[in-house]
Amino acid sequence: MAPSTTVPSASVIEVPETLLKKRKQNEKAREERIAAASAARKASKSKRKVIFKRAESYVKEYLTKEKEEIRLKRTARTAGDFYVPAQPKVYFVVRIRGINEIAPKPRKILQLLRLLQINNGVFVKATRATQQMLRLVEPYITYGEPNLKSVRELIYKRGYGKVDKQRIPLANNSVIEAALGKFDILCVEDLVHEIITAGPNFKQASNFLWPFKLSNPTGGWRTRKFKHYVQGGDFGDREVNINKLIRQMN
């Protein structure tokens, strides 16, 4: 009869303490990532609600203003008077001529306005100081009062933000929030509202927007750009007719 053999019990392999620590750290990091992702989703959801509510309030504000304008016009017409609209709060300024034979002072003003190239456009707050500046560089620019549709189309279609001196497309609201969140401007509609109403943070919002790079107007310019708009030319104040030019250049 063959002798019986005993199988030795398997020796217990001890896991190194460093590996146990690493596993714990990885597990803790994983839990933190999951918690952070969950918190981010909740924050994003609540932020979307805030953005939607703001957008709704802006629409109501715009409609109320439009209805009030119509009411005032009708009242004036009924009384046999003329309705004089309020002074513009914002101008949209477009550069239409180059730098040949330009004096140092107008050149400096164009630099301050950030109009460094032909067909560049910027939003400017309508103050006495800016009106004086615009008059000094009038032969090189055209400008006027943009309406809500023009402001919205420019920002949505050709809007770029200035982030660390880089030209960044406004692909999502996070770009705007990162740069202007401290001014309570969180999304594109906030940006549009701040511009069109010339709000308290207009300067920051306008400077955040990279100068708009527009195309030549459909059908070309009316003349060689050496006549004022009221004389059948192109430069100078177009008032509300700037909106037609924006459509042609956008």
Protein backbone atom coordinates (compact mmCIF):
# COMPACT_ATOMS: atom_id res chain seq x y z
CA MET A 1 0.00 0.00 0.00
CA ALA A 2 1.42 3.37 -1.08
CA PRO A 3 2.29 5.77 1.74
CA SER A 4 -0.11 8.68 2.15
CA THR A 5 1.22 12.14 1.27
CA THR A 6 0.08 15.34 2.99
CA VAL A 7 -0.42 18.46 0.83
CA PRO A 8 1.14 21.49 2.56
CA SER A 9 -1.35 24.28 3.24
CA ALA A 10 -0.99 27.33 0.94
CA SER A 11 1.03 30.05 2.58
CA VAL A 12 -0.82 33.33 3.17
CA ILE A 13 0.57 36.11 0.94
CA GLU A 14 0.68 39.39 2.77
CA VAL A 15 -0.17 42.48 0.72
CA PRO A 16 2.48 45.19 1.15
CA GLU A 17 1.35 48.10 3.28
CA THR A 18 2.28 50.63 0.58
CA LEU A 19 -0.03 48.86 -1.89
CA LEU A 20 -2.88 48.91 0.66
CA LYS A 21 -2.36 52.63 1.19
CA LYS A 22 -2.34 53.23 -2.57
CA ARG A 23 -5.60 51.28 -2.95
CA LYS A 24 -7.22 53.32 -0.19
CA GLN A 25 -6.03 56.55 -1.78
CA ASN A 26 -7.36 55.48 -5.19
CA GLU A 27 -10.70 54.52 -3.68
CA LYS A 28 -10.90 57.83 -1.81
CA ALA A 29 -10.00 59.78 -4.99
CA ARG A 30 -12.65 57.83 -6.93
CA GLU A 31 -15.31 58.64 -4.33
CA GLU A 32 -14.29 62.31 -4.39
CA ARG A 33 -14.52 62.38 -8.20
CA ILE A 34 -17.99 60.83 -8.11
CA ALA A 35 -19.10 63.32 -5.43
CA ALA A 36 -17.62 66.25 -7.38
CA ALA A 37 -19.31 65.13 -10.61
CA SER A 38 -22.64 64.78 -8.80
CA ALA A 39 -22.25 68.24 -7.23
CA ALA A 40 -21.31 69.71 -10.63
CA ARG A 41 -24.43 68.18 -12.24
CA LYS A 42 -26.64 69.64 -9.49
CA ALA A 43 -24.96 73.05 -9.80
CA SER A 44 -25.31 72.96 -13.61
CA LYS A 45 -29.00 72.07 -13.32
CA SER A 46 -29.71 74.90 -10.87
CA LYS A 47 -27.67 77.30 -13.03
CA ARG A 48 -29.71 76.36 -16.11
CA LYS A 49 -32.87 77.19 -14.19
CA VAL A 50 -31.44 80.61 -13.27
CA ILE A 51 -30.43 81.25 -16.89
CA PHE A 52 -33.87 80.26 -18.23
CA LYS A 53 -35.61 82.51 -15.67
CA ARG A 54 -33.36 85.43 -16.60
CA ALA A 55 -33.97 84.89 -20.31
CA GLU A 56 -37.73 84.92 -19.70
CA SER A 57 -37.47 88.13 -17.66
CA TYR A 58 -35.38 89.75 -20.43
CA VAL A 59 -37.99 88.84 -23.06
CA LYS A 60 -40.72 90.39 -20.90
CA GLU A 61 -38.61 93.52 -20.38
CA TYR A 62 -37.96 93.90 -24.13
CA LEU A 63 -41.65 93.39 -25.00
CA THR A 64 -42.75 95.89 -22.34
CA LYS A 65 -40.34 98.49 -23.70
CA GLU A 66 -41.48 97.88 -27.27
CA LYS A 67 -45.16 98.22 -26.30
CA GLU A 68 -44.41 101.43 -24.40
CA GLU A 69 -42.67 102.89 -27.48
CA ILE A 70 -45.72 102.05 -29.62
CA ARG A 71 -48.07 103.59 -27.03
CA LEU A 72 -46.05 106.83 -26.88
CA LYS A 73 -46.00 107.12 -30.68
CA ARG A 74 -49.76 106.62 -30.90
CA THR A 75 -50.40 109.11 -28.11
CA ALA A 76 -48.23 111.72 -29.84
CA ARG A 77 -49.92 111.11 -33.21
CA THR A 78 -53.39 111.39 -31.63
CA ALA A 79 -52.41 114.69 -30.02
CA GLY A 80 -50.99 115.94 -33.33
CA ASP A 81 -47.43 115.98 -31.96
CA PHE A 82 -44.21 114.28 -32.98
CA TYR A 83 -42.73 111.52 -30.84
CA VAL A 84 -39.05 112.10 -30.15
CA PRO A 85 -37.32 108.85 -29.11
CA ALA A 86 -34.86 108.82 -26.23
CA GLN A 87 -31.18 109.43 -26.90
CA PRO A 88 -29.29 106.26 -27.84
CA LYS A 89 -27.53 104.43 -25.02
CA VAL A 90 -25.18 102.41 -27.21
CA TYR A 91 -23.49 102.88 -30.58
CA PHE A 92 -22.15 100.19 -32.87
CA VAL A 93 -19.06 101.61 -34.57
CA VAL A 94 -17.52 100.17 -37.74
CA ARG A 95 -14.20 101.22 -39.24
CA ILE A 96 -14.50 101.76 -43.01
CA ARG A 97 -11.14 103.35 -43.99
CA GLY A 98 -7.48 102.47 -43.61
CA ILE A 99 -4.59 104.33 -41.98
CA ASN A 100 -3.16 106.17 -45.01
CA GLU A 101 -2.54 109.86 -44.29
CA ILE A 102 -4.20 109.71 -40.88
CA ALA A 103 -3.22 112.27 -38.23
CA PRO A 104 -1.78 111.09 -34.89
CA LYS A 105 -4.81 112.10 -32.81
CA PRO A 106 -7.45 110.22 -34.86
CA ARG A 107 -5.06 107.26 -35.06
CA LYS A 108 -4.83 107.20 -31.25
CA ILE A 109 -8.62 107.41 -30.87
CA LEU A 110 -9.10 104.48 -33.26
CA GLN A 111 -6.63 102.51 -31.14
CA LEU A 112 -8.55 103.39 -27.97
CA LEU A 113 -11.76 102.24 -29.66
CA ARG A 114 -9.95 99.00 -30.64
CA LEU A 115 -10.73 99.60 -34.31
CA LEU A 116 -7.39 98.47 -35.69
CA GLN A 117 -8.58 97.08 -39.03
CA ILE A 118 -11.09 97.92 -41.76
CA ASN A 119 -14.53 96.31 -41.13
CA ASN A 120 -13.83 95.91 -37.40
CA GLY A 121 -16.85 96.77 -35.24
CA VAL A 122 -17.28 97.49 -31.51
CA PHE A 123 -20.02 98.49 -29.09
CA VAL A 124 -19.50 101.89 -27.46
CA LYS A 125 -21.50 103.50 -24.66
CA ALA A 126 -23.09 106.73 -25.85
CA THR A 127 -21.67 109.43 -23.57
CA ARG A 128 -20.62 113.00 -24.26
CA ALA A 129 -16.95 111.98 -24.22
CA THR A 130 -17.43 109.11 -26.69
CA GLN A 131 -19.54 111.30 -28.99
CA GLN A 132 -16.70 113.84 -29.14
CA MET A 133 -14.23 111.05 -29.92
CA LEU A 134 -16.47 109.68 -32.67
CA ARG A 135 -16.78 113.11 -34.27
CA LEU A 136 -12.98 113.42 -34.40
CA VAL A 137 -12.62 110.13 -36.29
CA GLU A 138 -15.88 110.39 -38.28
CA PRO A 139 -14.22 110.25 -41.73
CA TYR A 140 -12.85 106.78 -40.88
CA ILE A 141 -15.93 105.20 -39.30
CA THR A 142 -19.67 104.78 -39.55
CA TYR A 143 -21.88 104.23 -36.54
CA GLY A 144 -25.42 104.25 -35.22
CA GLU A 145 -27.84 102.85 -32.67
CA PRO A 146 -28.11 99.03 -32.87
CA ASN A 147 -31.40 97.35 -32.05
CA LEU A 148 -31.87 94.15 -30.05
CA LYS A 149 -31.90 91.93 -33.15
CA SER A 150 -28.56 93.37 -34.36
CA VAL A 151 -26.85 92.97 -30.97
CA ARG A 152 -28.09 89.40 -30.60
CA GLU A 153 -27.09 88.40 -34.15
CA LEU A 154 -23.62 89.93 -33.84
CA ILE A 155 -22.86 88.18 -30.55
CA TYR A 156 -24.33 84.82 -31.55
CA LYS A 157 -22.90 84.74 -35.09
CA ARG A 158 -19.59 86.58 -34.79
CA GLY A 159 -18.99 86.84 -31.06
CA TYR A 160 -15.55 85.99 -29.65
CA GLY A 161 -14.31 86.59 -26.15
CA LYS A 162 -10.94 87.91 -25.00
CA VAL A 163 -9.46 85.39 -22.54
CA ASP A 164 -5.79 85.83 -21.53
CA LYS A 165 -5.34 88.01 -24.62
CA GLN A 166 -6.57 85.12 -26.79
CA ARG A 167 -9.54 85.20 -29.20
CA ILE A 168 -11.86 82.47 -27.90
CA PRO A 169 -15.19 81.52 -29.58
CA LEU A 170 -18.28 81.78 -27.39
CA ALA A 171 -19.00 78.07 -27.84
CA ASN A 172 -20.70 77.73 -24.45
CA ASN A 173 -21.69 79.82 -21.45
CA SER A 174 -18.75 78.61 -19.35
CA VAL A 175 -16.40 80.91 -21.32
CA ILE A 176 -18.55 83.92 -20.42
CA GLU A 177 -19.05 82.85 -16.79
CA ALA A 178 -15.32 82.32 -16.25
CA ALA A 179 -14.52 85.84 -17.47
CA LEU A 180 -17.58 87.82 -16.32
CA GLY A 181 -19.15 85.68 -13.57
CA LYS A 182 -17.95 88.13 -10.91
CA PHE A 183 -20.14 90.77 -12.61
CA ASP A 184 -23.14 88.38 -12.55
CA ILE A 185 -22.94 87.84 -16.32
CA LEU A 186 -23.30 84.08 -16.74
CA CYS A 187 -24.53 83.45 -20.28
CA VAL A 188 -24.94 84.91 -23.76
CA GLU A 189 -28.34 86.41 -22.96
CA ASP A 190 -26.84 88.19 -19.92
CA LEU A 191 -24.16 89.57 -22.24
CA VAL A 192 -26.74 90.72 -24.81
CA HIS A 193 -28.82 92.37 -22.07
CA GLU A 194 -25.81 94.18 -20.58
CA ILE A 195 -24.87 95.58 -24.02
CA ILE A 196 -28.33 96.61 -25.25
CA THR A 197 -29.27 98.29 -21.95
CA ALA A 198 -25.79 99.83 -21.38
CA GLY A 199 -25.84 98.25 -17.92
CA PRO A 200 -23.52 99.02 -14.99
CA ASN A 201 -20.96 96.47 -16.24
CA PHE A 202 -21.11 97.55 -19.89
CA LYS A 203 -17.40 98.43 -19.99
CA GLN A 204 -16.33 94.97 -18.78
CA ALA A 205 -18.80 93.23 -21.14
CA SER A 206 -17.74 95.31 -24.15
CA ASN A 207 -14.02 94.86 -23.45
CA PHE A 208 -14.54 91.11 -23.06
CA LEU A 209 -15.98 90.97 -26.60
CA TRP A 210 -13.24 90.83 -29.22
CA PRO A 211 -13.80 93.46 -31.96
CA PHE A 212 -16.20 91.98 -34.50
CA LYS A 213 -14.60 91.04 -37.83
CA LEU A 214 -17.25 91.83 -40.43
CA SER A 215 -17.39 91.27 -44.18
CA ASN A 216 -17.71 93.94 -46.85
CA PRO A 217 -21.39 94.92 -47.17
CA THR A 218 -23.47 93.07 -49.74
CA GLY A 219 -23.33 95.08 -52.95
CA GLY A 220 -20.30 97.06 -51.75
CA TRP A 221 -20.06 100.56 -50.28
CA ARG A 222 -22.17 103.37 -51.69
CA THR A 223 -19.26 105.63 -52.73
CA ARG A 224 -15.50 105.85 -52.26
CA LYS A 225 -16.24 106.47 -48.55
CA PHE A 226 -15.28 110.17 -48.79
CA LYS A 227 -18.81 111.55 -48.30
CA HIS A 228 -20.92 111.73 -45.18
CA TYR A 229 -23.87 109.35 -44.96
CA VAL A 230 -26.40 112.21 -45.10
CA GLN A 231 -24.77 113.37 -48.36
CA GLY A 232 -25.16 109.95 -49.94
CA GLY A 233 -21.82 108.65 -48.71
CA ASP A 234 -20.79 106.09 -46.12
CA PHE A 235 -19.07 107.64 -43.10
CA GLY A 236 -20.67 109.25 -40.07
CA ASP A 237 -23.78 108.73 -37.96
CA ARG A 238 -26.43 106.50 -39.60
CA GLU A 239 -28.68 106.48 -36.52
CA VAL A 240 -31.03 103.46 -36.75
CA ASN A 241 -29.95 102.74 -40.35
CA ILE A 242 -26.81 101.12 -38.91
CA ASN A 243 -28.96 98.00 -38.46
CA LYS A 244 -29.38 97.61 -42.21
CA LEU A 245 -25.60 97.85 -42.66
CA ILE A 246 -25.04 95.25 -39.92
CA ARG A 247 -27.32 92.81 -41.82
CA GLN A 248 -25.31 93.42 -44.99
CA MET A 249 -21.95 92.88 -43.25
CA ASN A 250 -22.83 90.07 -40.83
